């Protein structure tokens, strides 16, 4: 592996961006921050940490990240969110493959930290992510807000040791607000994609999310936080499909009215 560009998108991330950029300094040959015109001190902090700043209005998670990837001057890219940081072990793993690896894509476990505590079970761990890749064969895809790296070449993917630390929600209220935002965005993305979803998803998907996360994936071992996460992961799933059905009903009603008019 040759030189590495670390790429981050931001909007009002003054609480997180410093930690994120400090964690990548041992491995980054370049740090690119694509900011959506933050109104706090995000940009000044990123500049102090040595980042190259670009700005554009937010166009969606996938679109914003693909733009940021294109801004990297190196082919090898580490794509992070501002509320993420490399553990020491993961930084050492990345430094190792930089020294000697012809591999083009790498995955890593993400450890989500909820209310100051790491979650080690359930659907939140190991939460494996592909974040280190050659941009000539990878780009951001999926459906907003759940973006993912899609490879255009059938190359092997190597798992790295160490965790990507994800500092999620600092309070229950923050988690609830974000649940609403995510379910709104996800419902709109599915609707705009034209994907057909059976009505039973409204009930079956939340039930499976809870059973899988809390029992099968041992979420109960994380105590009260494990129960909260399993319950509200199920709730988010329900809200997503319920809101999708409402969008579909409104669209069908509008089309029926237009047809009747003519």
Protein backbone atom coordinates (compact mmCIF):
# COMPACT_ATOMS: atom_id res chain seq x y z
CA UNK A 1 0.00 0.00 0.00
CA UNK A 2 1.23 3.49 -0.83
CA UNK A 3 0.23 6.80 0.72
CA UNK A 4 -3.11 7.06 2.50
CA UNK A 5 -5.76 9.78 2.42
CA UNK A 6 -8.16 9.97 5.36
CA UNK A 7 -11.53 11.39 4.28
CA UNK A 8 -14.23 12.77 6.62
CA UNK A 9 -17.53 14.59 5.98
CA UNK A 10 -18.73 17.06 8.61
CA UNK A 11 -21.51 19.35 9.72
CA UNK A 12 -21.33 20.94 13.19
CA UNK A 13 -19.03 18.26 14.60
CA UNK A 14 -16.96 20.38 16.99
CA UNK A 15 -17.46 17.82 19.77
CA UNK A 16 -16.05 14.97 17.70
CA UNK A 17 -13.75 16.12 14.90
CA UNK A 18 -10.67 16.74 17.05
CA UNK A 19 -10.73 13.22 18.50
CA UNK A 20 -11.29 11.72 15.06
CA UNK A 21 -8.38 13.55 13.41
CA UNK A 22 -6.00 13.01 16.32
CA UNK A 23 -6.58 9.26 16.03
CA UNK A 24 -5.58 9.11 12.34
CA UNK A 25 -2.43 11.23 12.55
CA UNK A 26 -0.12 8.18 12.89
CA UNK A 27 -1.33 6.76 9.55
CA UNK A 28 -2.60 9.68 7.44
CA UNK A 29 -0.47 11.20 4.68
CA UNK A 30 -3.37 13.54 3.92
CA UNK A 31 -6.60 14.46 5.72
CA UNK A 32 -9.52 15.70 3.64
CA UNK A 33 -12.58 17.20 5.35
CA UNK A 34 -15.65 17.96 3.24
CA UNK A 35 -17.76 20.27 5.37
CA UNK A 36 -21.40 21.26 4.80
CA UNK A 37 -20.93 24.86 5.94
CA UNK A 38 -20.77 24.20 9.68
CA UNK A 39 -21.89 27.05 11.93
CA UNK A 40 -19.77 25.96 14.90
CA UNK A 41 -15.98 25.59 15.26
CA UNK A 42 -15.66 22.37 13.25
CA UNK A 43 -13.67 23.94 10.42
CA UNK A 44 -11.23 25.81 12.66
CA UNK A 45 -10.54 22.68 14.71
CA UNK A 46 -9.99 20.61 11.56
CA UNK A 47 -7.58 23.25 10.22
CA UNK A 48 -5.64 23.18 13.49
CA UNK A 49 -5.33 19.41 13.12
CA UNK A 50 -3.82 19.78 9.65
CA UNK A 51 -6.82 18.91 7.49
CA UNK A 52 -7.45 20.23 4.01
CA UNK A 53 -10.95 21.76 4.03
CA UNK A 54 -13.48 21.74 1.21
CA UNK A 55 -17.10 22.87 1.52
CA UNK A 56 -20.34 22.15 -0.27
CA UNK A 57 -24.00 21.98 0.71
CA UNK A 58 -25.11 18.60 2.00
CA UNK A 59 -26.34 16.44 -0.89
CA UNK A 60 -27.06 13.20 1.02
CA UNK A 61 -24.68 10.87 2.85
CA UNK A 62 -23.77 8.78 -0.18
CA UNK A 63 -23.37 11.74 -2.51
CA UNK A 64 -21.33 13.71 0.03
CA UNK A 65 -18.98 10.83 0.76
CA UNK A 66 -18.39 10.09 -2.93
CA UNK A 67 -17.50 13.74 -3.47
CA UNK A 68 -15.08 13.61 -0.54
CA UNK A 69 -13.47 10.42 -1.86
CA UNK A 70 -12.86 12.10 -5.24
CA UNK A 71 -11.10 14.98 -3.47
CA UNK A 72 -8.44 12.63 -2.08
CA UNK A 73 -5.12 12.94 -3.91
CA UNK A 74 -4.09 9.37 -3.00
CA UNK A 75 -5.70 6.20 -4.35
CA UNK A 76 -5.82 4.56 -0.92
CA UNK A 77 -8.63 6.02 1.18
CA UNK A 78 -9.75 5.59 4.78
CA UNK A 79 -13.33 6.84 5.01
CA UNK A 80 -14.52 7.88 8.46
CA UNK A 81 -17.43 9.70 10.06
CA UNK A 82 -16.55 12.58 12.37
CA UNK A 83 -17.88 10.69 15.42
CA UNK A 84 -15.52 7.77 14.77
CA UNK A 85 -11.90 7.25 15.81
CA UNK A 86 -9.25 4.58 15.41
CA UNK A 87 -8.32 2.49 18.42
CA UNK A 88 -4.57 2.21 19.01
CA UNK A 89 -4.64 -1.39 17.83
CA UNK A 90 -6.47 -0.51 14.62
CA UNK A 91 -4.06 2.36 13.92
CA UNK A 92 -1.17 -0.10 14.30
CA UNK A 93 -2.86 -2.55 11.92
CA UNK A 94 -3.31 0.16 9.29
CA UNK A 95 0.30 1.28 9.72
CA UNK A 96 1.35 -2.33 9.17
CA UNK A 97 -0.52 -2.79 5.90
CA UNK A 98 0.78 0.57 4.70
CA UNK A 99 4.28 -0.77 5.08
CA UNK A 100 3.72 -4.05 3.27
CA UNK A 101 0.47 -4.98 1.53
CA UNK A 102 -0.77 -5.25 -2.03
CA UNK A 103 -4.32 -5.71 -0.74
CA UNK A 104 -6.92 -3.26 -2.07
CA UNK A 105 -9.73 -3.47 0.51
CA UNK A 106 -9.91 -3.93 4.27
CA UNK A 107 -12.67 -4.38 6.83
CA UNK A 108 -12.62 -3.59 10.53
CA UNK A 109 -14.91 -4.14 13.50
CA UNK A 110 -16.77 -1.08 14.73
CA UNK A 111 -17.37 -0.74 18.45
CA UNK A 112 -20.35 1.52 19.14
CA UNK A 113 -20.16 3.51 22.35
CA UNK A 114 -23.56 4.38 23.83
CA UNK A 115 -23.87 6.79 26.78
CA UNK A 116 -20.13 6.43 27.39
CA UNK A 117 -20.11 2.62 27.43
CA UNK A 118 -18.85 0.28 24.69
CA UNK A 119 -21.47 -2.15 23.37
CA UNK A 120 -19.93 -5.57 22.78
CA UNK A 121 -22.93 -7.70 21.77
CA UNK A 122 -26.16 -7.58 19.81
CA UNK A 123 -26.55 -5.93 16.42
CA UNK A 124 -24.06 -3.19 17.35
CA UNK A 125 -20.99 -5.43 17.56
CA UNK A 126 -18.85 -6.40 15.75
CA UNK A 127 -20.67 -4.20 13.18
CA UNK A 128 -18.01 -4.95 10.55
CA UNK A 129 -17.30 -2.12 8.09
CA UNK A 130 -15.29 -1.83 4.88
CA UNK A 131 -13.65 1.59 5.23
CA UNK A 132 -10.10 1.24 3.88
CA UNK A 133 -9.93 0.72 0.12
CA UNK A 134 -8.46 1.72 -3.22
CA UNK A 135 -10.80 4.39 -4.60
CA UNK A 136 -10.18 3.13 -8.14
CA UNK A 137 -12.24 0.03 -7.33
CA UNK A 138 -14.62 1.31 -4.64
CA UNK A 139 -17.23 3.96 -4.04
CA UNK A 140 -20.05 4.72 -1.65
CA UNK A 141 -23.45 3.17 -2.42
CA UNK A 142 -26.51 1.66 -0.76
CA UNK A 143 -29.52 3.66 0.42
CA UNK A 144 -29.31 6.76 2.62
CA UNK A 145 -28.66 6.94 5.50
CA UNK A 146 -27.14 3.42 5.52
CA UNK A 147 -24.31 3.91 3.06
CA UNK A 148 -21.65 1.28 2.37
CA UNK A 149 -18.58 0.84 0.20
CA UNK A 150 -19.26 -1.13 -2.96
CA UNK A 151 -16.31 -2.70 -4.79
CA UNK A 152 -16.31 -2.90 -8.57
CA UNK A 153 -13.54 -5.47 -8.64
CA UNK A 154 -13.68 -8.96 -7.16
CA UNK A 155 -10.61 -8.60 -4.97
CA UNK A 156 -10.02 -10.24 -1.62
CA UNK A 157 -10.94 -8.29 1.51
CA UNK A 158 -8.69 -8.46 4.56
CA UNK A 159 -9.96 -8.06 8.12
CA UNK A 160 -7.84 -5.77 10.30
CA UNK A 161 -7.22 -6.18 14.02
CA UNK A 162 -8.51 -3.49 16.34
CA UNK A 163 -11.77 -1.53 16.58
CA UNK A 164 -13.15 1.52 14.88
CA UNK A 165 -14.60 3.39 17.84
CA UNK A 166 -18.00 4.96 17.12
CA UNK A 167 -19.12 7.54 19.68
CA UNK A 168 -22.86 7.33 19.07
CA UNK A 169 -25.38 8.84 21.48
CA UNK A 170 -24.50 10.51 24.75
CA UNK A 171 -28.08 10.34 26.07
CA UNK A 172 -31.32 8.45 25.60
CA UNK A 173 -33.05 11.60 24.28
CA UNK A 174 -30.36 12.04 21.64
CA UNK A 175 -30.89 8.42 20.57
CA UNK A 176 -34.66 8.99 20.22
CA UNK A 177 -34.19 12.10 18.09
CA UNK A 178 -31.75 10.31 15.83
CA UNK A 179 -34.12 7.33 15.50
CA UNK A 180 -36.76 9.64 14.05
CA UNK A 181 -34.30 11.22 11.64
CA UNK A 182 -32.94 7.87 10.45
CA UNK A 183 -36.39 6.33 9.96
CA UNK A 184 -37.50 9.40 7.96
CA UNK A 185 -34.45 9.31 5.69
CA UNK A 186 -34.60 5.54 5.23
CA UNK A 187 -38.31 5.59 4.32
CA UNK A 188 -37.76 8.37 1.79
CA UNK A 189 -34.77 6.58 0.26
CA UNK A 190 -36.68 3.31 -0.18
CA UNK A 191 -39.67 5.18 -1.61
CA UNK A 192 -37.53 7.13 -4.09
CA UNK A 193 -35.77 3.95 -5.19
CA UNK A 194 -39.12 2.45 -6.23
CA UNK A 195 -38.45 -0.67 -4.19
CA UNK A 196 -41.60 -2.65 -3.35
CA UNK A 197 -41.98 -3.74 0.26
CA UNK A 198 -44.65 -6.17 1.47
CA UNK A 199 -46.92 -4.79 4.19
CA UNK A 200 -45.89 -7.63 6.53
CA UNK A 201 -42.45 -6.02 6.82
CA UNK A 202 -43.99 -3.46 9.17
CA UNK A 203 -44.42 -6.17 11.81
CA UNK A 204 -41.99 -8.95 10.91
CA UNK A 205 -38.88 -6.81 10.52
CA UNK A 206 -39.11 -5.18 13.99
CA UNK A 207 -39.84 -8.54 15.64
CA UNK A 208 -36.83 -10.14 13.97
CA UNK A 209 -34.61 -7.16 14.81
CA UNK A 210 -35.41 -7.52 18.52
CA UNK A 211 -35.13 -11.32 18.68
CA UNK A 212 -31.91 -11.37 16.68
CA UNK A 213 -30.26 -8.49 18.51
CA UNK A 214 -31.31 -9.23 22.09
CA UNK A 215 -31.38 -13.02 22.19
CA UNK A 216 -29.52 -14.60 19.25
CA UNK A 217 -26.73 -12.02 19.19
CA UNK A 218 -26.58 -11.88 23.01
CA UNK A 219 -27.56 -8.23 23.40
CA UNK A 220 -28.82 -9.01 26.92
CA UNK A 221 -25.17 -9.32 28.01
CA UNK A 222 -24.88 -5.53 27.68
CA UNK A 223 -27.43 -5.12 30.47
CA UNK A 224 -29.93 -2.27 30.42
CA UNK A 225 -28.20 -0.64 27.46
CA UNK A 226 -28.56 -3.88 25.51
CA UNK A 227 -32.31 -3.89 26.12
CA UNK A 228 -32.65 -0.22 25.17
CA UNK A 229 -30.73 -0.76 21.94
CA UNK A 230 -32.64 -3.90 20.94
CA UNK A 231 -35.99 -2.26 21.68
CA UNK A 232 -35.28 0.91 19.77
CA UNK A 233 -33.61 -0.85 16.86
CA UNK A 234 -36.92 -2.68 16.49
CA UNK A 235 -38.79 0.62 16.89
CA UNK A 236 -36.71 2.26 14.17
CA UNK A 237 -37.46 -0.62 11.82
CA UNK A 238 -41.19 -0.30 12.48
CA UNK A 239 -41.16 3.46 11.95
CA UNK A 240 -39.20 3.12 8.72
CA UNK A 241 -41.68 0.74 7.09
CA UNK A 242 -44.72 2.51 8.54
CA UNK A 243 -43.53 5.83 7.13
CA UNK A 244 -42.77 4.15 3.80
CA UNK A 245 -46.34 2.85 3.59
CA UNK A 246 -47.65 6.35 4.33
CA UNK A 247 -45.55 7.77 1.50
CA UNK A 248 -46.82 5.07 -0.84
CA UNK A 249 -50.44 5.73 0.15
CA UNK A 250 -50.08 9.46 -0.47
CA UNK A 251 -48.46 8.82 -3.85
CA UNK A 252 -51.23 6.37 -4.83
CA UNK A 253 -53.91 8.84 -3.72
CA UNK A 254 -52.30 11.64 -5.71
CA UNK A 255 -52.10 9.47 -8.82
CA UNK A 256 -55.75 8.38 -8.43
CA UNK A 257 -56.83 12.04 -8.11
CA UNK A 258 -54.85 13.02 -11.20
CA UNK A 259 -56.32 10.15 -13.23
CA UNK A 260 -59.85 11.03 -12.09
CA UNK A 261 -59.26 14.68 -13.01
CA UNK A 262 -58.44 13.77 -16.58
